[in-house]
Amino acid sequence: MANILVVDDELGIRDLLSEILFDEGHQVELAENAAMAREARLRMRPDLVLLDIWMPDTDGVSLLKEWAATGLLDMPVIMMSGHATIDTAVDAVKIGAQAFLEKPITLQKLLSAVEQGLARDQVKKAAHDAHTSQALPVSSSAVSAEVFGGTLEVAQTFDLDRPLREARDAFEKAYFEYHLAHEAGSMTKVAEKTGLERTHLYRKLKQLGVDLSRSKRQG
């Protein structure tokens, strides 16, 4: 479950995105302009922001630049627009946006972009935590991490020189294997722990190639 800030001046878009993300188990904050977005950004420290480009007071690209210049762009930001040009989308990505969604936004594209944005942020934070931890040996190309939970010990090495998609998949696989083993393979408990709906969880585990029978044996 993540805290997601949705910034859009259209009420219908805000309500639709909020409903979809809430159904996926996320906490959602809504802002209809840049002023409200600034206040929400400081108050809630979102895990991810969905930011509309065309808004009446300050456009989304300008707000993105402002956050980047003031050190507040420490979360994934996904830009949205129904009228932006390719150049605008490219500029937003150069500033620091994770992705760009063209309106009307389909359910599949929205969930995929949000999932990828959150996963990239998890990998980035894991790498940062490992570099700043005194207990973990770190090289320039890999992060080693040990997680202890009761009698369960999980050790996983993440190669940061790998392509982003491969590094993200490796992190997610280790994450779900840990929870599966800790919950003795119970999909219901893992779904509750990870904030995912069971059907989505099954699909994700299959995609990552997680061995469910092995997790039950470890449990």
C-alpha atoms as a PDB file:
ATOM      1  CA  MET A   1       0.000   0.000   0.000  1.00  0.00           C
ATOM      2  CA  ALA A   2       1.318   3.442  -0.941  1.00  0.00           C
ATOM      3  CA  ASN A   3       0.372   7.056  -0.295  1.00  0.00           C
ATOM      4  CA  ILE A   4      -0.415   8.573  -3.684  1.00  0.00           C
ATOM      5  CA  LEU A   5      -1.083  12.232  -4.458  1.00  0.00           C
ATOM      6  CA  VAL A   6      -3.323  12.911  -7.470  1.00  0.00           C
ATOM      7  CA  VAL A   7      -3.076  16.458  -8.871  1.00  0.00           C
ATOM      8  CA  ASP A   8      -5.625  17.375 -11.561  1.00  0.00           C
ATOM      9  CA  ASP A   9      -7.980  20.319 -12.047  1.00  0.00           C
ATOM     10  CA  GLU A  10     -10.731  18.090 -13.469  1.00  0.00           C
ATOM     11  CA  LEU A  11     -13.030  16.691 -10.779  1.00  0.00           C
ATOM     12  CA  GLY A  12     -14.018  13.691 -12.900  1.00  0.00           C
ATOM     13  CA  ILE A  13     -10.386  12.670 -13.416  1.00  0.00           C
ATOM     14  CA  ARG A  14      -9.588  13.041  -9.722  1.00  0.00           C
ATOM     15  CA  ASP A  15     -12.571  10.943  -8.688  1.00  0.00           C
ATOM     16  CA  LEU A  16     -11.845   8.231 -11.260  1.00  0.00           C
ATOM     17  CA  LEU A  17      -8.159   7.884 -10.395  1.00  0.00           C
ATOM     18  CA  SER A  18      -8.935   7.975  -6.684  1.00  0.00           C
ATOM     19  CA  GLU A  19     -11.479   5.165  -7.000  1.00  0.00           C
ATOM     20  CA  ILE A  20      -9.129   2.959  -9.039  1.00  0.00           C
ATOM     21  CA  LEU A  21      -6.147   3.470  -6.748  1.00  0.00           C
ATOM     22  CA  PHE A  22      -8.235   3.012  -3.599  1.00  0.00           C
ATOM     23  CA  ASP A  23      -9.506  -0.316  -4.968  1.00  0.00           C
ATOM     24  CA  GLU A  24      -5.856  -1.362  -5.370  1.00  0.00           C
ATOM     25  CA  GLY A  25      -5.293  -0.741  -1.662  1.00  0.00           C
ATOM     26  CA  HIS A  26      -3.553   2.643  -1.853  1.00  0.00           C
ATOM     27  CA  GLN A  27      -4.191   5.732   0.253  1.00  0.00           C
ATOM     28  CA  VAL A  28      -5.065   8.653  -2.023  1.00  0.00           C
ATOM     29  CA  GLU A  29      -4.829  12.419  -1.498  1.00  0.00           C
ATOM     30  CA  LEU A  30      -6.421  14.777  -4.039  1.00  0.00           C
ATOM     31  CA  ALA A  31      -5.340  18.264  -5.154  1.00  0.00           C
ATOM     32  CA  GLU A  32      -7.035  20.392  -7.791  1.00  0.00           C
ATOM     33  CA  ASN A  33      -4.197  22.870  -8.364  1.00  0.00           C
ATOM     34  CA  ALA A  34      -0.503  23.492  -7.732  1.00  0.00           C
ATOM     35  CA  ALA A  35      -1.099  25.382  -4.474  1.00  0.00           C
ATOM     36  CA  MET A  36      -2.956  22.419  -2.969  1.00  0.00           C
ATOM     37  CA  ALA A  37      -0.324  20.054  -4.359  1.00  0.00           C
ATOM     38  CA  ARG A  38       2.487  21.981  -2.641  1.00  0.00           C
ATOM     39  CA  GLU A  39       0.684  21.812   0.701  1.00  0.00           C
ATOM     40  CA  ALA A  40      -0.118  18.115   0.310  1.00  0.00           C
ATOM     41  CA  ARG A  41       3.463  17.313  -0.737  1.00  0.00           C
ATOM     42  CA  LEU A  42       4.841  18.791   2.484  1.00  0.00           C
ATOM     43  CA  ARG A  43       2.126  17.371   4.720  1.00  0.00           C
ATOM     44  CA  MET A  44       1.786  13.782   3.525  1.00  0.00           C
ATOM     45  CA  ARG A  45       5.186  13.047   1.911  1.00  0.00           C
ATOM     46  CA  PRO A  46       3.647  10.924  -0.885  1.00  0.00           C
ATOM     47  CA  ASP A  47       5.230   7.736  -2.199  1.00  0.00           C
ATOM     48  CA  LEU A  48       4.143   8.710  -5.723  1.00  0.00           C
ATOM     49  CA  VAL A  49       2.496  11.682  -7.463  1.00  0.00           C
ATOM     50  CA  LEU A  50       0.198  11.679 -10.491  1.00  0.00           C
ATOM     51  CA  LEU A  51       0.551  15.221 -11.855  1.00  0.00           C
ATOM     52  CA  ASP A  52      -1.519  16.851 -14.585  1.00  0.00           C
ATOM     53  CA  ILE A  53       0.406  19.125 -16.960  1.00  0.00           C
ATOM     54  CA  TRP A  54      -2.263  21.696 -17.824  1.00  0.00           C
ATOM     55  CA  MET A  55      -3.631  23.433 -14.716  1.00  0.00           C
ATOM     56  CA  PRO A  56      -5.030  26.952 -14.265  1.00  0.00           C
ATOM     57  CA  ASP A  57      -2.591  28.418 -11.726  1.00  0.00           C
ATOM     58  CA  THR A  58       0.769  26.722 -12.257  1.00  0.00           C
ATOM     59  CA  ASP A  59       1.267  24.043 -14.892  1.00  0.00           C
ATOM     60  CA  GLY A  60       2.558  20.620 -13.916  1.00  0.00           C
ATOM     61  CA  VAL A  61       5.933  20.976 -15.628  1.00  0.00           C
ATOM     62  CA  SER A  62       6.625  24.226 -13.743  1.00  0.00           C
ATOM     63  CA  LEU A  63       5.658  22.564 -10.465  1.00  0.00           C
ATOM     64  CA  LEU A  64       7.930  19.629 -11.293  1.00  0.00           C
ATOM     65  CA  LYS A  65      10.821  22.068 -11.925  1.00  0.00           C
ATOM     66  CA  GLU A  66      10.074  23.802  -8.629  1.00  0.00           C
ATOM     67  CA  TRP A  67      10.212  20.535  -6.682  1.00  0.00           C
ATOM     68  CA  ALA A  68      13.424  19.514  -8.441  1.00  0.00           C
ATOM     69  CA  ALA A  69      15.090  22.872  -7.733  1.00  0.00           C
ATOM     70  CA  THR A  70      14.150  22.830  -4.049  1.00  0.00           C
ATOM     71  CA  GLY A  71      15.103  19.220  -3.353  1.00  0.00           C
ATOM     72  CA  LEU A  72      11.496  18.070  -2.983  1.00  0.00           C
ATOM     73  CA  LEU A  73      11.503  15.731  -5.970  1.00  0.00           C
ATOM     74  CA  ASP A  74      12.366  12.670  -3.891  1.00  0.00           C
ATOM     75  CA  MET A  75       9.339  10.631  -4.981  1.00  0.00           C
ATOM     76  CA  PRO A  76       8.298   9.209  -8.394  1.00  0.00           C
ATOM     77  CA  VAL A  77       6.151  11.613 -10.414  1.00  0.00           C
ATOM     78  CA  ILE A  78       3.992  10.455 -13.323  1.00  0.00           C
ATOM     79  CA  MET A  79       2.852  13.259 -15.640  1.00  0.00           C
ATOM     80  CA  MET A  80      -0.612  13.231 -17.234  1.00  0.00           C
ATOM     81  CA  SER A  81      -2.076  15.201 -20.125  1.00  0.00           C
ATOM     82  CA  GLY A  82      -4.489  14.988 -23.017  1.00  0.00           C
ATOM     83  CA  HIS A  83      -2.920  17.807 -25.007  1.00  0.00           C
ATOM     84  CA  ALA A  84       0.821  17.753 -24.347  1.00  0.00           C
ATOM     85  CA  THR A  85       3.306  17.375 -27.179  1.00  0.00           C
ATOM     86  CA  ILE A  86       6.101  14.828 -27.308  1.00  0.00           C
ATOM     87  CA  ASP A  87       8.574  17.633 -26.561  1.00  0.00           C
ATOM     88  CA  THR A  88       6.677  18.488 -23.377  1.00  0.00           C
ATOM     89  CA  ALA A  89       6.711  14.864 -22.277  1.00  0.00           C
ATOM     90  CA  VAL A  90      10.445  14.575 -22.996  1.00  0.00           C
ATOM     91  CA  ASP A  91      11.157  17.790 -21.067  1.00  0.00           C
ATOM     92  CA  ALA A  92       9.213  16.472 -18.075  1.00  0.00           C
ATOM     93  CA  VAL A  93      11.201  13.223 -18.066  1.00  0.00           C
ATOM     94  CA  LYS A  94      14.473  15.187 -18.301  1.00  0.00           C
ATOM     95  CA  ILE A  95      13.466  17.218 -15.242  1.00  0.00           C
ATOM     96  CA  GLY A  96      12.815  14.044 -13.268  1.00  0.00           C
ATOM     97  CA  ALA A  97       9.384  12.627 -14.094  1.00  0.00           C
ATOM     98  CA  GLN A  98       9.251   8.821 -14.072  1.00  0.00           C
ATOM     99  CA  ALA A  99       6.711   8.467 -16.870  1.00  0.00           C
ATOM    100  CA  PHE A 100       4.059  10.184 -18.968  1.00  0.00           C
ATOM    101  CA  LEU A 101       0.440   9.072 -19.376  1.00  0.00           C
ATOM    102  CA  GLU A 102      -1.726  10.379 -22.198  1.00  0.00           C
ATOM    103  CA  LYS A 103      -5.408  11.011 -21.452  1.00  0.00           C
ATOM    104  CA  PRO A 104      -7.800   9.307 -21.595  1.00  0.00           C
ATOM    105  CA  ILE A 105      -5.855   6.968 -19.308  1.00  0.00           C
ATOM    106  CA  THR A 106      -6.709   3.283 -19.507  1.00  0.00           C
ATOM    107  CA  LEU A 107      -6.892   1.185 -16.346  1.00  0.00           C
ATOM    108  CA  GLN A 108      -4.065  -1.085 -17.492  1.00  0.00           C
ATOM    109  CA  LYS A 109      -1.698   1.783 -18.313  1.00  0.00           C
ATOM    110  CA  LEU A 110      -2.438   3.552 -15.046  1.00  0.00           C
ATOM    111  CA  LEU A 111      -1.821   0.525 -12.839  1.00  0.00           C
ATOM    112  CA  SER A 112       1.269  -0.464 -14.817  1.00  0.00           C
ATOM    113  CA  ALA A 113       2.796   3.018 -14.529  1.00  0.00           C
ATOM    114  CA  VAL A 114       2.021   3.247 -10.808  1.00  0.00           C
ATOM    115  CA  GLU A 115       3.407  -0.227 -10.132  1.00  0.00           C
ATOM    116  CA  GLN A 116       6.608   0.484 -12.053  1.00  0.00           C
ATOM    117  CA  GLY A 117       7.044   3.876 -10.404  1.00  0.00           C
ATOM    118  CA  LEU A 118       6.692   2.434  -6.914  1.00  0.00           C
ATOM    119  CA  ALA A 119       8.981  -0.500  -7.740  1.00  0.00           C
ATOM    120  CA  ARG A 120      11.714   1.808  -9.057  1.00  0.00           C
ATOM    121  CA  ASP A 121      11.451   3.888  -5.928  1.00  0.00           C
ATOM    122  CA  GLN A 122      11.778   0.784  -3.738  1.00  0.00           C
ATOM    123  CA  VAL A 123      14.951  -0.272  -5.550  1.00  0.00           C
ATOM    124  CA  LYS A 124      16.347   3.261  -5.264  1.00  0.00           C
ATOM    125  CA  LYS A 125      15.587   3.456  -1.539  1.00  0.00           C
ATOM    126  CA  ALA A 126      17.009  -0.021  -0.920  1.00  0.00           C
ATOM    127  CA  ALA A 127      20.240   1.002  -2.618  1.00  0.00           C
ATOM    128  CA  HIS A 128      20.393   4.256  -0.638  1.00  0.00           C
ATOM    129  CA  ASP A 129      19.720   2.526   2.675  1.00  0.00           C
ATOM    130  CA  ALA A 130      22.401  -0.044   1.973  1.00  0.00           C
ATOM    131  CA  HIS A 131      24.964   2.640   1.125  1.00  0.00           C
ATOM    132  CA  THR A 132      24.249   4.546   4.344  1.00  0.00           C
ATOM    133  CA  SER A 133      24.127   1.476   6.617  1.00  0.00           C
ATOM    134  CA  GLN A 134      27.262   0.717   8.634  1.00  0.00           C
ATOM    135  CA  ALA A 135      26.307  -2.961   9.001  1.00  0.00           C
ATOM    136  CA  LEU A 136      26.147  -3.818   5.311  1.00  0.00           C
ATOM    137  CA  PRO A 137      29.163  -4.117   2.966  1.00  0.00           C
ATOM    138  CA  VAL A 138      28.520  -2.238  -0.275  1.00  0.00           C
ATOM    139  CA  SER A 139      30.427  -2.008  -3.539  1.00  0.00           C
ATOM    140  CA  SER A 140      29.753   0.336  -6.434  1.00  0.00           C
ATOM    141  CA  SER A 141      27.997  -2.402  -8.384  1.00  0.00           C
ATOM    142  CA  ALA A 142      25.992  -4.339  -5.800  1.00  0.00           C
ATOM    143  CA  VAL A 143      23.930  -4.006  -2.679  1.00  0.00           C
ATOM    144  CA  SER A 144      23.858  -6.818  -0.112  1.00  0.00           C
ATOM    145  CA  ALA A 145      21.015  -6.947   2.364  1.00  0.00           C
ATOM    146  CA  GLU A 146      19.980  -9.229   5.202  1.00  0.00           C
ATOM    147  CA  VAL A 147      16.471  -9.224   6.621  1.00  0.00           C
ATOM    148  CA  PHE A 148      15.674 -10.995   9.873  1.00  0.00           C
ATOM    149  CA  GLY A 149      12.119 -11.931  10.876  1.00  0.00           C
ATOM    150  CA  GLY A 150      11.758 -14.349  13.770  1.00  0.00           C
ATOM    151  CA  THR A 151      13.569 -17.540  12.738  1.00  0.00           C
ATOM    152  CA  LEU A 152      13.554 -16.579   9.068  1.00  0.00           C
ATOM    153  CA  GLU A 153      16.672 -15.108   7.501  1.00  0.00           C
ATOM    154  CA  VAL A 154      16.686 -13.850   3.920  1.00  0.00           C
ATOM    155  CA  ALA A 155      19.845 -12.739   2.146  1.00  0.00           C
ATOM    156  CA  GLN A 156      19.745 -11.242  -1.340  1.00  0.00           C
ATOM    157  CA  THR A 157      22.268  -9.406  -3.496  1.00  0.00           C
ATOM    158  CA  PHE A 158      21.051  -6.751  -5.915  1.00  0.00           C
ATOM    159  CA  ASP A 159      23.376  -5.899  -8.797  1.00  0.00           C
ATOM    160  CA  LEU A 160      22.897  -2.194  -9.461  1.00  0.00           C
ATOM    161  CA  ASP A 161      24.740  -2.425 -12.779  1.00  0.00           C
ATOM    162  CA  ARG A 162      21.889  -4.471 -14.250  1.00  0.00           C
ATOM    163  CA  PRO A 163      19.151  -2.898 -16.403  1.00  0.00           C
ATOM    164  CA  LEU A 164      16.496  -1.226 -14.227  1.00  0.00           C
ATOM    165  CA  ARG A 165      13.735  -3.682 -15.137  1.00  0.00           C
ATOM    166  CA  GLU A 166      15.885  -6.691 -14.174  1.00  0.00           C
ATOM    167  CA  ALA A 167      16.989  -5.069 -10.895  1.00  0.00           C
ATOM    168  CA  ARG A 168      13.381  -4.193 -10.034  1.00  0.00           C
ATOM    169  CA  ASP A 169      12.155  -7.723 -10.781  1.00  0.00           C
ATOM    170  CA  ALA A 170      14.921  -9.206  -8.621  1.00  0.00           C
ATOM    171  CA  PHE A 171      13.974  -6.934  -5.724  1.00  0.00           C
ATOM    172  CA  GLU A 172      10.260  -7.698  -6.054  1.00  0.00           C
ATOM    173  CA  LYS A 173      10.886 -11.446  -6.259  1.00  0.00           C
ATOM    174  CA  ALA A 174      12.988 -11.375  -3.084  1.00  0.00           C
ATOM    175  CA  TYR A 175      10.349  -9.217  -1.374  1.00  0.00           C
ATOM    176  CA  PHE A 176       7.479 -11.596  -2.133  1.00  0.00           C
ATOM    177  CA  GLU A 177       9.544 -14.732  -1.388  1.00  0.00           C
ATOM    178  CA  TYR A 178      10.358 -13.298   2.026  1.00  0.00           C
ATOM    179  CA  HIS A 179       6.707 -12.662   2.885  1.00  0.00           C
ATOM    180  CA  LEU A 180       5.578 -16.019   1.474  1.00  0.00           C
ATOM    181  CA  ALA A 181       8.120 -17.861   3.578  1.00  0.00           C
ATOM    182  CA  HIS A 182       7.311 -15.783   6.658  1.00  0.00           C
ATOM    183  CA  GLU A 183       3.566 -16.486   6.260  1.00  0.00           C
ATOM    184  CA  ALA A 184       4.047 -20.191   5.444  1.00  0.00           C
ATOM    185  CA  GLY A 185       2.787 -19.707   1.901  1.00  0.00           C
ATOM    186  CA  SER A 186      -0.566 -18.197   2.964  1.00  0.00           C
ATOM    187  CA  MET A 187      -1.729 -16.055   0.043  1.00  0.00           C
ATOM    188  CA  THR A 188      -4.370 -14.380   2.208  1.00  0.00           C
ATOM    189  CA  LYS A 189      -1.817 -13.226   4.780  1.00  0.00           C
ATOM    190  CA  VAL A 190       0.692 -12.168   2.116  1.00  0.00           C
ATOM    191  CA  ALA A 191      -2.007 -10.171   0.326  1.00  0.00           C
ATOM    192  CA  GLU A 192      -2.802  -8.383   3.586  1.00  0.00           C
ATOM    193  CA  LYS A 193       0.866  -7.741   4.371  1.00  0.00           C
ATOM    194  CA  THR A 194       1.750  -6.401   0.911  1.00  0.00           C
ATOM    195  CA  GLY A 195      -1.490  -4.504   0.312  1.00  0.00           C
ATOM    196  CA  LEU A 196      -2.316  -6.356  -2.906  1.00  0.00           C
ATOM    197  CA  GLU A 197      -5.584  -7.946  -3.978  1.00  0.00           C
ATOM    198  CA  ARG A 198      -5.254 -11.749  -4.184  1.00  0.00           C
ATOM    199  CA  THR A 199      -5.848 -11.983  -7.938  1.00  0.00           C
ATOM    200  CA  HIS A 200      -3.249  -9.306  -8.599  1.00  0.00           C
ATOM    201  CA  LEU A 201      -0.861 -11.024  -6.184  1.00  0.00           C
ATOM    202  CA  TYR A 202      -1.156 -14.371  -7.989  1.00  0.00           C
ATOM    203  CA  ARG A 203      -0.534 -12.647 -11.320  1.00  0.00           C
ATOM    204  CA  LYS A 204       2.493 -10.812  -9.947  1.00  0.00           C
ATOM    205  CA  LEU A 205       4.031 -13.974  -8.434  1.00  0.00           C
ATOM    206  CA  LYS A 206       3.547 -15.864 -11.688  1.00  0.00           C
ATOM    207  CA  GLN A 207       5.129 -13.033 -13.638  1.00  0.00           C
ATOM    208  CA  LEU A 208       8.157 -13.009 -11.322  1.00  0.00           C
ATOM    209  CA  GLY A 209       8.523 -16.790 -11.410  1.00  0.00           C
ATOM    210  CA  VAL A 210       8.082 -17.271  -7.657  1.00  0.00           C
ATOM    211  CA  ASP A 211       7.918 -20.933  -6.605  1.00  0.00           C
ATOM    212  CA  LEU A 212       4.870 -21.120  -4.311  1.00  0.00           C
ATOM    213  CA  SER A 213       5.448 -24.755  -3.315  1.00  0.00           C
ATOM    214  CA  ARG A 214       8.961 -23.914  -2.170  1.00  0.00           C
ATOM    215  CA  SER A 215       7.676 -21.048  -0.031  1.00  0.00           C
ATOM    216  CA  LYS A 216       5.227 -23.393   1.722  1.00  0.00           C
ATOM    217  CA  ARG A 217       7.986 -25.909   2.439  1.00  0.00           C
ATOM    218  CA  GLN A 218      10.172 -23.175   3.947  1.00  0.00           C
ATOM    219  CA  GLY A 219       7.261 -22.025   6.102  1.00  0.00           C
END
